[in-house]
């Protein structure tokens, strides 16, 4: 009886072991590599999978999600012989689980070594300044080199990101001094450009002011000239009217031209006499002047009314 119980227990344990070895549950985004008698048999996808116990074994379980592998800081020499410490991060995806299992002994270690080699090749072809300012270019070149090398391993390199590029301390000090000098130069240039712009604006303002002043002076001169012309015209018209009136008044007693000449002549003599204290001016043709005065006297006597007669 005891032997039967023991035998029954052994059968149950054996059945459980067979069941465990037969049923394999694979999580999502993972794959199991199944070997039968040491040879690749199949890839167990996500879900419930049945294998033959004692004949089939699980070689490896691979994660198909995007994986991240950090690269520790490594010394790298640039083209201008500057040694710097560079670290990076690699993002890759397994696209062929069979190749990733059988084509490389240690996938992560192999990717790290390929990355270090590609990093030295890329940065070794660039000088320090380009290395510090061309991260995107370096990342693109590294991804292309790694992607081409890892295709036979069933791996797709998605991207490579440089984290830090640390040059030596003396190079850092020199770069800081250079940066300070560059900022000082930019400040001087900016100040000069501002002063130049201010001078240009000031000159433009003065130019506009002079233009406006010239326009104002021009308009004032035009208005002044027009006023003077109009005044002269009025004076000429008034003088013409006066001459016309005088001519009409003396038309019956003598020549109007002779009257005007005599009048201007007398006005000139009076002005000369007023401007001189003791000097007496006589015209060169005194006889003509006296004759003119006589004519004026006769003309005036003719124009005066006759005195009333005495009774």
C-alpha atoms as a PDB file:
ATOM      1  CA  UNK A   1       0.000   0.000   0.000  1.00  0.00           C
ATOM      2  CA  UNK A   2       2.776   2.391   0.865  1.00  0.00           C
ATOM      3  CA  UNK A   3       4.583   1.480  -2.335  1.00  0.00           C
ATOM      4  CA  UNK A   4       1.487   2.376  -4.358  1.00  0.00           C
ATOM      5  CA  UNK A   5       1.204   5.754  -2.645  1.00  0.00           C
ATOM      6  CA  UNK A   6       4.854   6.514  -3.304  1.00  0.00           C
ATOM      7  CA  UNK A   7       4.480   5.442  -6.916  1.00  0.00           C
ATOM      8  CA  UNK A   8       1.412   7.613  -7.306  1.00  0.00           C
ATOM      9  CA  UNK A   9       3.249  10.616  -5.880  1.00  0.00           C
ATOM     10  CA  UNK A  10       6.162  10.040  -8.230  1.00  0.00           C
ATOM     11  CA  UNK A  11       3.800   9.909 -11.205  1.00  0.00           C
ATOM     12  CA  UNK A  12       2.164  13.160 -10.153  1.00  0.00           C
ATOM     13  CA  UNK A  13       5.532  14.897  -9.755  1.00  0.00           C
ATOM     14  CA  UNK A  14       6.664  13.571 -13.119  1.00  0.00           C
ATOM     15  CA  UNK A  15       3.456  14.802 -14.759  1.00  0.00           C
ATOM     16  CA  UNK A  16       3.938  18.233 -13.250  1.00  0.00           C
ATOM     17  CA  UNK A  17       7.523  18.370 -14.514  1.00  0.00           C
ATOM     18  CA  UNK A  18       6.422  17.280 -17.976  1.00  0.00           C
ATOM     19  CA  UNK A  19       3.655  19.880 -17.956  1.00  0.00           C
ATOM     20  CA  UNK A  20       6.055  22.619 -16.918  1.00  0.00           C
ATOM     21  CA  UNK A  21       8.487  21.634 -19.636  1.00  0.00           C
ATOM     22  CA  UNK A  22       5.719  21.332 -22.216  1.00  0.00           C
ATOM     23  CA  UNK A  23       3.891  24.604 -21.698  1.00  0.00           C
ATOM     24  CA  UNK A  24       5.810  27.854 -22.188  1.00  0.00           C
ATOM     25  CA  UNK A  25       4.213  31.263 -21.815  1.00  0.00           C
ATOM     26  CA  UNK A  26       6.085  34.037 -23.619  1.00  0.00           C
ATOM     27  CA  UNK A  27       5.410  37.686 -22.557  1.00  0.00           C
ATOM     28  CA  UNK A  28       4.499  40.390 -25.047  1.00  0.00           C
ATOM     29  CA  UNK A  29       7.395  41.806 -27.099  1.00  0.00           C
ATOM     30  CA  UNK A  30       9.612  38.841 -26.273  1.00  0.00           C
ATOM     31  CA  UNK A  31      10.632  35.721 -28.180  1.00  0.00           C
ATOM     32  CA  UNK A  32      12.077  32.373 -27.099  1.00  0.00           C
ATOM     33  CA  UNK A  33      14.637  30.477 -29.138  1.00  0.00           C
ATOM     34  CA  UNK A  34      13.716  26.752 -28.993  1.00  0.00           C
ATOM     35  CA  UNK A  35      16.326  24.098 -29.783  1.00  0.00           C
ATOM     36  CA  UNK A  36      15.628  20.412 -30.367  1.00  0.00           C
ATOM     37  CA  UNK A  37      18.507  18.136 -29.505  1.00  0.00           C
ATOM     38  CA  UNK A  38      20.924  21.088 -29.635  1.00  0.00           C
ATOM     39  CA  UNK A  39      19.736  22.433 -32.999  1.00  0.00           C
ATOM     40  CA  UNK A  40      17.538  25.445 -33.668  1.00  0.00           C
ATOM     41  CA  UNK A  41      13.935  24.343 -33.937  1.00  0.00           C
ATOM     42  CA  UNK A  42      11.676  27.391 -33.826  1.00  0.00           C
ATOM     43  CA  UNK A  43      11.036  30.829 -32.335  1.00  0.00           C
ATOM     44  CA  UNK A  44       8.289  30.918 -29.731  1.00  0.00           C
ATOM     45  CA  UNK A  45       6.286  34.101 -30.127  1.00  0.00           C
ATOM     46  CA  UNK A  46       4.310  35.913 -27.413  1.00  0.00           C
ATOM     47  CA  UNK A  47       1.539  33.809 -25.864  1.00  0.00           C
ATOM     48  CA  UNK A  48       1.108  30.090 -25.024  1.00  0.00           C
ATOM     49  CA  UNK A  49       3.555  27.713 -26.703  1.00  0.00           C
ATOM     50  CA  UNK A  50       3.802  23.898 -26.506  1.00  0.00           C
ATOM     51  CA  UNK A  51       7.153  22.165 -26.803  1.00  0.00           C
ATOM     52  CA  UNK A  52       8.254  18.558 -26.536  1.00  0.00           C
ATOM     53  CA  UNK A  53       9.781  17.949 -23.133  1.00  0.00           C
ATOM     54  CA  UNK A  54      13.234  16.410 -22.834  1.00  0.00           C
ATOM     55  CA  UNK A  55      13.734  16.998 -26.573  1.00  0.00           C
ATOM     56  CA  UNK A  56      13.170  20.742 -26.863  1.00  0.00           C
ATOM     57  CA  UNK A  57      15.011  23.265 -24.715  1.00  0.00           C
ATOM     58  CA  UNK A  58      14.903  27.058 -24.431  1.00  0.00           C
ATOM     59  CA  UNK A  59      18.185  28.517 -25.676  1.00  0.00           C
ATOM     60  CA  UNK A  60      17.467  32.167 -24.876  1.00  0.00           C
ATOM     61  CA  UNK A  61      14.689  34.704 -24.383  1.00  0.00           C
ATOM     62  CA  UNK A  62      15.178  37.973 -26.237  1.00  0.00           C
ATOM     63  CA  UNK A  63      13.494  41.338 -25.688  1.00  0.00           C
ATOM     64  CA  UNK A  64      12.206  42.910 -28.917  1.00  0.00           C
ATOM     65  CA  UNK A  65      11.664  46.347 -27.432  1.00  0.00           C
ATOM     66  CA  UNK A  66      14.070  49.230 -28.061  1.00  0.00           C
ATOM     67  CA  UNK A  67      17.063  48.691 -25.843  1.00  0.00           C
ATOM     68  CA  UNK A  68      19.467  51.235 -24.396  1.00  0.00           C
ATOM     69  CA  UNK A  69      23.165  50.591 -23.951  1.00  0.00           C
ATOM     70  CA  UNK A  70      25.326  53.260 -22.294  1.00  0.00           C
ATOM     71  CA  UNK A  71      28.963  53.713 -23.290  1.00  0.00           C
ATOM     72  CA  UNK A  72      31.227  54.804 -20.455  1.00  0.00           C
ATOM     73  CA  UNK A  73      33.600  57.774 -21.023  1.00  0.00           C
ATOM     74  CA  UNK A  74      36.394  56.743 -23.349  1.00  0.00           C
ATOM     75  CA  UNK A  75      39.595  58.631 -24.320  1.00  0.00           C
ATOM     76  CA  UNK A  76      39.420  59.713 -27.959  1.00  0.00           C
ATOM     77  CA  UNK A  77      42.061  61.665 -29.934  1.00  0.00           C
ATOM     78  CA  UNK A  78      40.921  64.309 -32.423  1.00  0.00           C
ATOM     79  CA  UNK A  79      42.627  65.192 -35.689  1.00  0.00           C
ATOM     80  CA  UNK A  80      44.551  68.053 -34.039  1.00  0.00           C
ATOM     81  CA  UNK A  81      45.914  65.642 -31.374  1.00  0.00           C
ATOM     82  CA  UNK A  82      43.644  66.686 -28.516  1.00  0.00           C
ATOM     83  CA  UNK A  83      42.663  63.857 -26.160  1.00  0.00           C
ATOM     84  CA  UNK A  84      39.135  64.126 -24.840  1.00  0.00           C
ATOM     85  CA  UNK A  85      36.769  61.920 -22.866  1.00  0.00           C
ATOM     86  CA  UNK A  86      33.590  61.009 -24.743  1.00  0.00           C
ATOM     87  CA  UNK A  87      30.584  58.987 -23.604  1.00  0.00           C
ATOM     88  CA  UNK A  88      27.434  58.056 -25.520  1.00  0.00           C
ATOM     89  CA  UNK A  89      24.142  56.166 -25.451  1.00  0.00           C
ATOM     90  CA  UNK A  90      23.057  53.629 -28.105  1.00  0.00           C
ATOM     91  CA  UNK A  91      19.421  52.840 -28.914  1.00  0.00           C
ATOM     92  CA  UNK A  92      18.865  49.632 -30.888  1.00  0.00           C
ATOM     93  CA  UNK A  93      16.160  47.088 -31.667  1.00  0.00           C
ATOM     94  CA  UNK A  94      16.467  43.321 -32.332  1.00  0.00           C
ATOM     95  CA  UNK A  95      14.728  42.621 -35.646  1.00  0.00           C
ATOM     96  CA  UNK A  96      15.929  39.025 -36.117  1.00  0.00           C
ATOM     97  CA  UNK A  97      16.073  37.006 -32.900  1.00  0.00           C
ATOM     98  CA  UNK A  98      17.701  33.991 -34.557  1.00  0.00           C
ATOM     99  CA  UNK A  99      20.652  35.995 -35.887  1.00  0.00           C
ATOM    100  CA  UNK A 100      21.001  37.902 -32.627  1.00  0.00           C
ATOM    101  CA  UNK A 101      21.313  34.533 -30.856  1.00  0.00           C
ATOM    102  CA  UNK A 102      23.591  32.606 -33.198  1.00  0.00           C
ATOM    103  CA  UNK A 103      25.612  35.255 -35.100  1.00  0.00           C
ATOM    104  CA  UNK A 104      27.269  36.932 -32.111  1.00  0.00           C
ATOM    105  CA  UNK A 105      28.417  35.519 -28.788  1.00  0.00           C
ATOM    106  CA  UNK A 106      27.523  38.558 -26.660  1.00  0.00           C
ATOM    107  CA  UNK A 107      25.290  41.055 -28.415  1.00  0.00           C
ATOM    108  CA  UNK A 108      25.580  44.001 -25.987  1.00  0.00           C
ATOM    109  CA  UNK A 109      29.353  43.648 -25.651  1.00  0.00           C
ATOM    110  CA  UNK A 110      29.736  43.439 -29.419  1.00  0.00           C
ATOM    111  CA  UNK A 111      27.674  46.612 -29.948  1.00  0.00           C
ATOM    112  CA  UNK A 112      29.763  48.463 -27.343  1.00  0.00           C
ATOM    113  CA  UNK A 113      32.999  47.505 -29.086  1.00  0.00           C
ATOM    114  CA  UNK A 114      31.676  48.534 -32.480  1.00  0.00           C
ATOM    115  CA  UNK A 115      30.566  51.859 -31.024  1.00  0.00           C
ATOM    116  CA  UNK A 116      33.989  52.582 -29.534  1.00  0.00           C
ATOM    117  CA  UNK A 117      35.689  51.786 -32.831  1.00  0.00           C
ATOM    118  CA  UNK A 118      33.289  53.953 -34.842  1.00  0.00           C
ATOM    119  CA  UNK A 119      33.596  56.762 -32.274  1.00  0.00           C
ATOM    120  CA  UNK A 120      37.373  56.846 -32.582  1.00  0.00           C
ATOM    121  CA  UNK A 121      37.176  56.815 -36.383  1.00  0.00           C
ATOM    122  CA  UNK A 122      34.631  59.626 -36.637  1.00  0.00           C
ATOM    123  CA  UNK A 123      36.134  61.967 -34.048  1.00  0.00           C
ATOM    124  CA  UNK A 124      39.666  61.183 -35.232  1.00  0.00           C
ATOM    125  CA  UNK A 125      38.777  62.735 -38.605  1.00  0.00           C
ATOM    126  CA  UNK A 126      37.639  66.043 -37.019  1.00  0.00           C
ATOM    127  CA  UNK A 127      39.431  68.743 -35.079  1.00  0.00           C
ATOM    128  CA  UNK A 128      38.383  69.894 -31.631  1.00  0.00           C
ATOM    129  CA  UNK A 129      36.262  72.867 -32.710  1.00  0.00           C
ATOM    130  CA  UNK A 130      34.236  70.807 -35.181  1.00  0.00           C
ATOM    131  CA  UNK A 131      33.829  68.039 -32.621  1.00  0.00           C
ATOM    132  CA  UNK A 132      32.306  70.438 -30.092  1.00  0.00           C
ATOM    133  CA  UNK A 133      29.978  72.077 -32.607  1.00  0.00           C
ATOM    134  CA  UNK A 134      28.984  69.087 -34.779  1.00  0.00           C
ATOM    135  CA  UNK A 135      27.225  66.698 -32.419  1.00  0.00           C
ATOM    136  CA  UNK A 136      24.423  66.015 -34.879  1.00  0.00           C
ATOM    137  CA  UNK A 137      26.901  65.174 -37.621  1.00  0.00           C
ATOM    138  CA  UNK A 138      28.816  62.822 -35.326  1.00  0.00           C
ATOM    139  CA  UNK A 139      25.602  61.129 -34.188  1.00  0.00           C
ATOM    140  CA  UNK A 140      24.487  60.589 -37.781  1.00  0.00           C
ATOM    141  CA  UNK A 141      27.842  59.141 -38.854  1.00  0.00           C
ATOM    142  CA  UNK A 142      27.979  56.841 -35.829  1.00  0.00           C
ATOM    143  CA  UNK A 143      24.461  55.552 -36.451  1.00  0.00           C
ATOM    144  CA  UNK A 144      25.231  54.839 -40.117  1.00  0.00           C
ATOM    145  CA  UNK A 145      28.458  52.992 -39.278  1.00  0.00           C
ATOM    146  CA  UNK A 146      26.863  50.911 -36.511  1.00  0.00           C
ATOM    147  CA  UNK A 147      23.752  50.137 -38.533  1.00  0.00           C
ATOM    148  CA  UNK A 148      25.839  48.798 -41.408  1.00  0.00           C
ATOM    149  CA  UNK A 149      27.948  46.635 -39.077  1.00  0.00           C
ATOM    150  CA  UNK A 150      25.094  45.186 -36.987  1.00  0.00           C
ATOM    151  CA  UNK A 151      22.786  44.141 -39.839  1.00  0.00           C
ATOM    152  CA  UNK A 152      24.341  40.657 -39.886  1.00  0.00           C
ATOM    153  CA  UNK A 153      23.496  40.339 -36.201  1.00  0.00           C
ATOM    154  CA  UNK A 154      19.800  41.047 -36.803  1.00  0.00           C
ATOM    155  CA  UNK A 155      20.010  44.401 -35.009  1.00  0.00           C
ATOM    156  CA  UNK A 156      18.753  47.810 -36.130  1.00  0.00           C
ATOM    157  CA  UNK A 157      20.551  50.800 -34.561  1.00  0.00           C
ATOM    158  CA  UNK A 158      17.944  53.532 -34.165  1.00  0.00           C
ATOM    159  CA  UNK A 159      20.156  56.394 -33.003  1.00  0.00           C
ATOM    160  CA  UNK A 160      23.357  57.258 -31.164  1.00  0.00           C
ATOM    161  CA  UNK A 161      23.547  60.222 -28.820  1.00  0.00           C
ATOM    162  CA  UNK A 162      26.766  61.767 -27.535  1.00  0.00           C
ATOM    163  CA  UNK A 163      26.357  62.752 -23.909  1.00  0.00           C
ATOM    164  CA  UNK A 164      29.533  64.595 -22.958  1.00  0.00           C
ATOM    165  CA  UNK A 165      32.701  65.712 -24.729  1.00  0.00           C
ATOM    166  CA  UNK A 166      35.279  66.725 -22.127  1.00  0.00           C
ATOM    167  CA  UNK A 167      38.565  68.211 -23.416  1.00  0.00           C
ATOM    168  CA  UNK A 168      41.564  68.647 -21.076  1.00  0.00           C
ATOM    169  CA  UNK A 169      41.502  71.376 -18.436  1.00  0.00           C
ATOM    170  CA  UNK A 170      44.084  73.576 -20.181  1.00  0.00           C
ATOM    171  CA  UNK A 171      42.071  73.412 -23.389  1.00  0.00           C
ATOM    172  CA  UNK A 172      38.947  74.370 -21.441  1.00  0.00           C
ATOM    173  CA  UNK A 173      40.757  77.397 -19.958  1.00  0.00           C
ATOM    174  CA  UNK A 174      41.900  78.494 -23.426  1.00  0.00           C
ATOM    175  CA  UNK A 175      38.386  78.079 -24.797  1.00  0.00           C
ATOM    176  CA  UNK A 176      36.934  80.159 -21.978  1.00  0.00           C
ATOM    177  CA  UNK A 177      39.409  82.965 -22.699  1.00  0.00           C
ATOM    178  CA  UNK A 178      38.587  82.756 -26.386  1.00  0.00           C
ATOM    179  CA  UNK A 179      34.869  82.883 -25.598  1.00  0.00           C
ATOM    180  CA  UNK A 180      35.371  85.951 -23.389  1.00  0.00           C
ATOM    181  CA  UNK A 181      37.347  87.702 -26.124  1.00  0.00           C
ATOM    182  CA  UNK A 182      34.696  86.835 -28.695  1.00  0.00           C
ATOM    183  CA  UNK A 183      31.915  88.193 -26.492  1.00  0.00           C
ATOM    184  CA  UNK A 184      33.913  91.389 -25.912  1.00  0.00           C
ATOM    185  CA  UNK A 185      34.404  91.759 -29.668  1.00  0.00           C
ATOM    186  CA  UNK A 186      30.697  91.253 -30.275  1.00  0.00           C
ATOM    187  CA  UNK A 187      29.866  93.874 -27.649  1.00  0.00           C
ATOM    188  CA  UNK A 188      32.218  96.383 -29.311  1.00  0.00           C
ATOM    189  CA  UNK A 189      30.759  95.621 -32.735  1.00  0.00           C
ATOM    190  CA  UNK A 190      27.215  95.969 -31.420  1.00  0.00           C
ATOM    191  CA  UNK A 191      28.062  99.300 -29.773  1.00  0.00           C
ATOM    192  CA  UNK A 192      29.681 100.575 -32.965  1.00  0.00           C
ATOM    193  CA  UNK A 193      26.702  99.509 -35.035  1.00  0.00           C
ATOM    194  CA  UNK A 194      24.362 101.254 -32.602  1.00  0.00           C
ATOM    195  CA  UNK A 195      26.397 104.469 -32.761  1.00  0.00           C
ATOM    196  CA  UNK A 196      26.471 104.229 -36.546  1.00  0.00           C
ATOM    197  CA  UNK A 197      22.697 103.789 -36.705  1.00  0.00           C
ATOM    198  CA  UNK A 198      22.213 106.727 -34.311  1.00  0.00           C
ATOM    199  CA  UNK A 199      24.521 108.941 -36.406  1.00  0.00           C
ATOM    200  CA  UNK A 200      22.654 107.982 -39.570  1.00  0.00           C
ATOM    201  CA  UNK A 201      19.303 108.758 -37.961  1.00  0.00           C
ATOM    202  CA  UNK A 202      20.623 112.088 -36.663  1.00  0.00           C
ATOM    203  CA  UNK A 203      21.991 113.015 -40.101  1.00  0.00           C
ATOM    204  CA  UNK A 204      18.699 112.042 -41.701  1.00  0.00           C
ATOM    205  CA  UNK A 205      16.845 114.203 -39.196  1.00  0.00           C
ATOM    206  CA  UNK A 206      19.113 117.180 -39.824  1.00  0.00           C
ATOM    207  CA  UNK A 207      18.733 116.653 -43.565  1.00  0.00           C
ATOM    208  CA  UNK A 208      14.934 116.624 -43.303  1.00  0.00           C
ATOM    209  CA  UNK A 209      15.074 119.700 -41.047  1.00  0.00           C
ATOM    210  CA  UNK A 210      17.223 121.590 -43.574  1.00  0.00           C
ATOM    211  CA  UNK A 211      14.901 120.533 -46.380  1.00  0.00           C
ATOM    212  CA  UNK A 212      11.863 121.766 -44.459  1.00  0.00           C
ATOM    213  CA  UNK A 213      13.649 125.042 -43.586  1.00  0.00           C
ATOM    214  CA  UNK A 214      14.682 125.545 -47.216  1.00  0.00           C
ATOM    215  CA  UNK A 215      11.132 124.878 -48.361  1.00  0.00           C
ATOM    216  CA  UNK A 216       9.860 127.391 -45.812  1.00  0.00           C
ATOM    217  CA  UNK A 217      12.420 130.012 -46.874  1.00  0.00           C
ATOM    218  CA  UNK A 218      11.553 129.362 -50.495  1.00  0.00           C
ATOM    219  CA  UNK A 219       7.835 129.849 -49.873  1.00  0.00           C
ATOM    220  CA  UNK A 220       8.557 132.977 -47.803  1.00  0.00           C
ATOM    221  CA  UNK A 221      10.757 134.428 -50.560  1.00  0.00           C
ATOM    222  CA  UNK A 222       8.100 133.638 -53.140  1.00  0.00           C
ATOM    223  CA  UNK A 223       5.390 135.283 -51.043  1.00  0.00           C
ATOM    224  CA  UNK A 224       7.668 138.295 -50.337  1.00  0.00           C
ATOM    225  CA  UNK A 225       8.469 138.695 -54.034  1.00  0.00           C
ATOM    226  CA  UNK A 226       4.817 138.387 -54.937  1.00  0.00           C
ATOM    227  CA  UNK A 227       3.968 140.990 -52.273  1.00  0.00           C
ATOM    228  CA  UNK A 228       6.616 143.391 -53.515  1.00  0.00           C
ATOM    229  CA  UNK A 229       5.517 142.893 -57.113  1.00  0.00           C
ATOM    230  CA  UNK A 230       1.924 143.509 -56.155  1.00  0.00           C
ATOM    231  CA  UNK A 231       2.904 146.614 -54.145  1.00  0.00           C
ATOM    232  CA  UNK A 232       4.942 147.998 -57.032  1.00  0.00           C
ATOM    233  CA  UNK A 233       2.039 147.296 -59.339  1.00  0.00           C
ATOM    234  CA  UNK A 234      -0.326 149.169 -57.019  1.00  0.00           C
ATOM    235  CA  UNK A 235       2.120 152.084 -56.721  1.00  0.00           C
ATOM    236  CA  UNK A 236       2.562 152.171 -60.497  1.00  0.00           C
ATOM    237  CA  UNK A 237      -1.178 152.093 -61.002  1.00  0.00           C
ATOM    238  CA  UNK A 238      -1.691 154.888 -58.467  1.00  0.00           C
ATOM    239  CA  UNK A 239       1.103 156.963 -60.038  1.00  0.00           C
ATOM    240  CA  UNK A 240      -0.349 156.378 -63.458  1.00  0.00           C
ATOM    241  CA  UNK A 241      -3.733 157.527 -62.231  1.00  0.00           C
ATOM    242  CA  UNK A 242      -2.156 160.635 -60.633  1.00  0.00           C
ATOM    243  CA  UNK A 243      -0.248 161.470 -63.796  1.00  0.00           C
ATOM    244  CA  UNK A 244      -3.399 160.989 -65.803  1.00  0.00           C
ATOM    245  CA  UNK A 245      -5.288 163.348 -63.490  1.00  0.00           C
ATOM    246  CA  UNK A 246      -2.543 165.984 -63.639  1.00  0.00           C
ATOM    247  CA  UNK A 247      -2.358 165.643 -67.394  1.00  0.00           C
ATOM    248  CA  UNK A 248      -6.068 166.208 -67.692  1.00  0.00           C
ATOM    249  CA  UNK A 249      -5.850 169.234 -65.368  1.00  0.00           C
ATOM    250  CA  UNK A 250      -3.068 170.983 -67.244  1.00  0.00           C
ATOM    251  CA  UNK A 251      -3.946 169.786 -70.715  1.00  0.00           C
ATOM    252  CA  UNK A 252      -5.304 173.219 -71.648  1.00  0.00           C
ATOM    253  CA  UNK A 253      -2.393 175.239 -70.191  1.00  0.00           C
ATOM    254  CA  UNK A 254       0.762 173.538 -71.444  1.00  0.00           C
ATOM    255  CA  UNK A 255       2.693 170.347 -72.029  1.00  0.00           C
ATOM    256  CA  UNK A 256       2.273 167.743 -69.218  1.00  0.00           C
ATOM    257  CA  UNK A 257       5.760 166.360 -69.900  1.00  0.00           C
ATOM    258  CA  UNK A 258       7.308 169.795 -69.391  1.00  0.00           C
ATOM    259  CA  UNK A 259       5.435 170.139 -66.108  1.00  0.00           C
ATOM    260  CA  UNK A 260       6.664 166.781 -64.796  1.00  0.00           C
ATOM    261  CA  UNK A 261      10.266 167.465 -65.806  1.00  0.00           C
ATOM    262  CA  UNK A 262      10.221 170.815 -64.095  1.00  0.00           C
ATOM    263  CA  UNK A 263       8.694 169.299 -60.951  1.00  0.00           C
ATOM    264  CA  UNK A 264      11.340 166.560 -60.668  1.00  0.00           C
ATOM    265  CA  UNK A 265      14.043 169.133 -61.362  1.00  0.00           C
ATOM    266  CA  UNK A 266      12.892 171.365 -58.514  1.00  0.00           C
ATOM    267  CA  UNK A 267      12.608 168.415 -56.111  1.00  0.00           C
ATOM    268  CA  UNK A 268      16.192 167.449 -56.888  1.00  0.00           C
ATOM    269  CA  UNK A 269      17.478 170.976 -56.285  1.00  0.00           C
ATOM    270  CA  UNK A 270      15.604 171.211 -52.982  1.00  0.00           C
ATOM    271  CA  UNK A 271      17.060 167.900 -51.810  1.00  0.00           C
ATOM    272  CA  UNK A 272      20.591 168.998 -52.744  1.00  0.00           C
ATOM    273  CA  UNK A 273      20.123 172.267 -50.907  1.00  0.00           C
ATOM    274  CA  UNK A 274      18.860 170.568 -47.756  1.00  0.00           C
ATOM    275  CA  UNK A 275      21.874 168.226 -47.662  1.00  0.00           C
ATOM    276  CA  UNK A 276      24.389 171.116 -47.863  1.00  0.00           C
ATOM    277  CA  UNK A 277      24.896 173.903 -45.278  1.00  0.00           C
ATOM    278  CA  UNK A 278      26.909 176.598 -47.075  1.00  0.00           C
ATOM    279  CA  UNK A 279      27.376 175.382 -50.601  1.00  0.00           C
ATOM    280  CA  UNK A 280      25.117 176.721 -53.305  1.00  0.00           C
ATOM    281  CA  UNK A 281      24.554 174.556 -56.376  1.00  0.00           C
ATOM    282  CA  UNK A 282      23.693 176.101 -59.685  1.00  0.00           C
ATOM    283  CA  UNK A 283      22.957 174.032 -62.714  1.00  0.00           C
ATOM    284  CA  UNK A 284      25.407 174.147 -65.600  1.00  0.00           C
ATOM    285  CA  UNK A 285      22.782 175.535 -67.933  1.00  0.00           C
ATOM    286  CA  UNK A 286      21.462 178.303 -65.693  1.00  0.00           C
ATOM    287  CA  UNK A 287      19.670 179.984 -68.539  1.00  0.00           C
ATOM    288  CA  UNK A 288      17.750 176.838 -69.260  1.00  0.00           C
ATOM    289  CA  UNK A 289      16.843 176.435 -65.582  1.00  0.00           C
ATOM    290  CA  UNK A 290      15.665 180.041 -65.310  1.00  0.00           C
ATOM    291  CA  UNK A 291      13.690 179.626 -68.470  1.00  0.00           C
ATOM    292  CA  UNK A 292      12.100 176.533 -66.983  1.00  0.00           C
ATOM    293  CA  UNK A 293      11.277 178.432 -63.779  1.00  0.00           C
ATOM    294  CA  UNK A 294       9.767 181.232 -65.805  1.00  0.00           C
ATOM    295  CA  UNK A 295       7.658 178.789 -67.665  1.00  0.00           C
ATOM    296  CA  UNK A 296       6.460 177.246 -64.422  1.00  0.00           C
ATOM    297  CA  UNK A 297       5.674 180.703 -63.001  1.00  0.00           C
ATOM    298  CA  UNK A 298       3.704 181.587 -66.086  1.00  0.00           C
ATOM    299  CA  UNK A 299       1.881 178.302 -65.917  1.00  0.00           C
ATOM    300  CA  UNK A 300       0.983 178.820 -62.269  1.00  0.00           C
ATOM    301  CA  UNK A 301      -0.180 182.359 -62.884  1.00  0.00           C
ATOM    302  CA  UNK A 302      -2.479 181.114 -65.585  1.00  0.00           C
ATOM    303  CA  UNK A 303      -3.963 178.511 -63.322  1.00  0.00           C
ATOM    304  CA  UNK A 304      -4.697 180.964 -60.442  1.00  0.00           C
ATOM    305  CA  UNK A 305      -8.093 182.763 -60.511  1.00  0.00           C
ATOM    306  CA  UNK A 306      -8.110 186.469 -61.288  1.00  0.00           C
ATOM    307  CA  UNK A 307      -8.535 188.850 -58.289  1.00  0.00           C
ATOM    308  CA  UNK A 308     -11.862 190.574 -57.925  1.00  0.00           C
ATOM    309  CA  UNK A 309     -12.067 194.030 -59.450  1.00  0.00           C
ATOM    310  CA  UNK A 310     -12.442 197.093 -57.248  1.00  0.00           C
ATOM    311  CA  UNK A 311     -15.458 199.225 -57.690  1.00  0.00           C
END
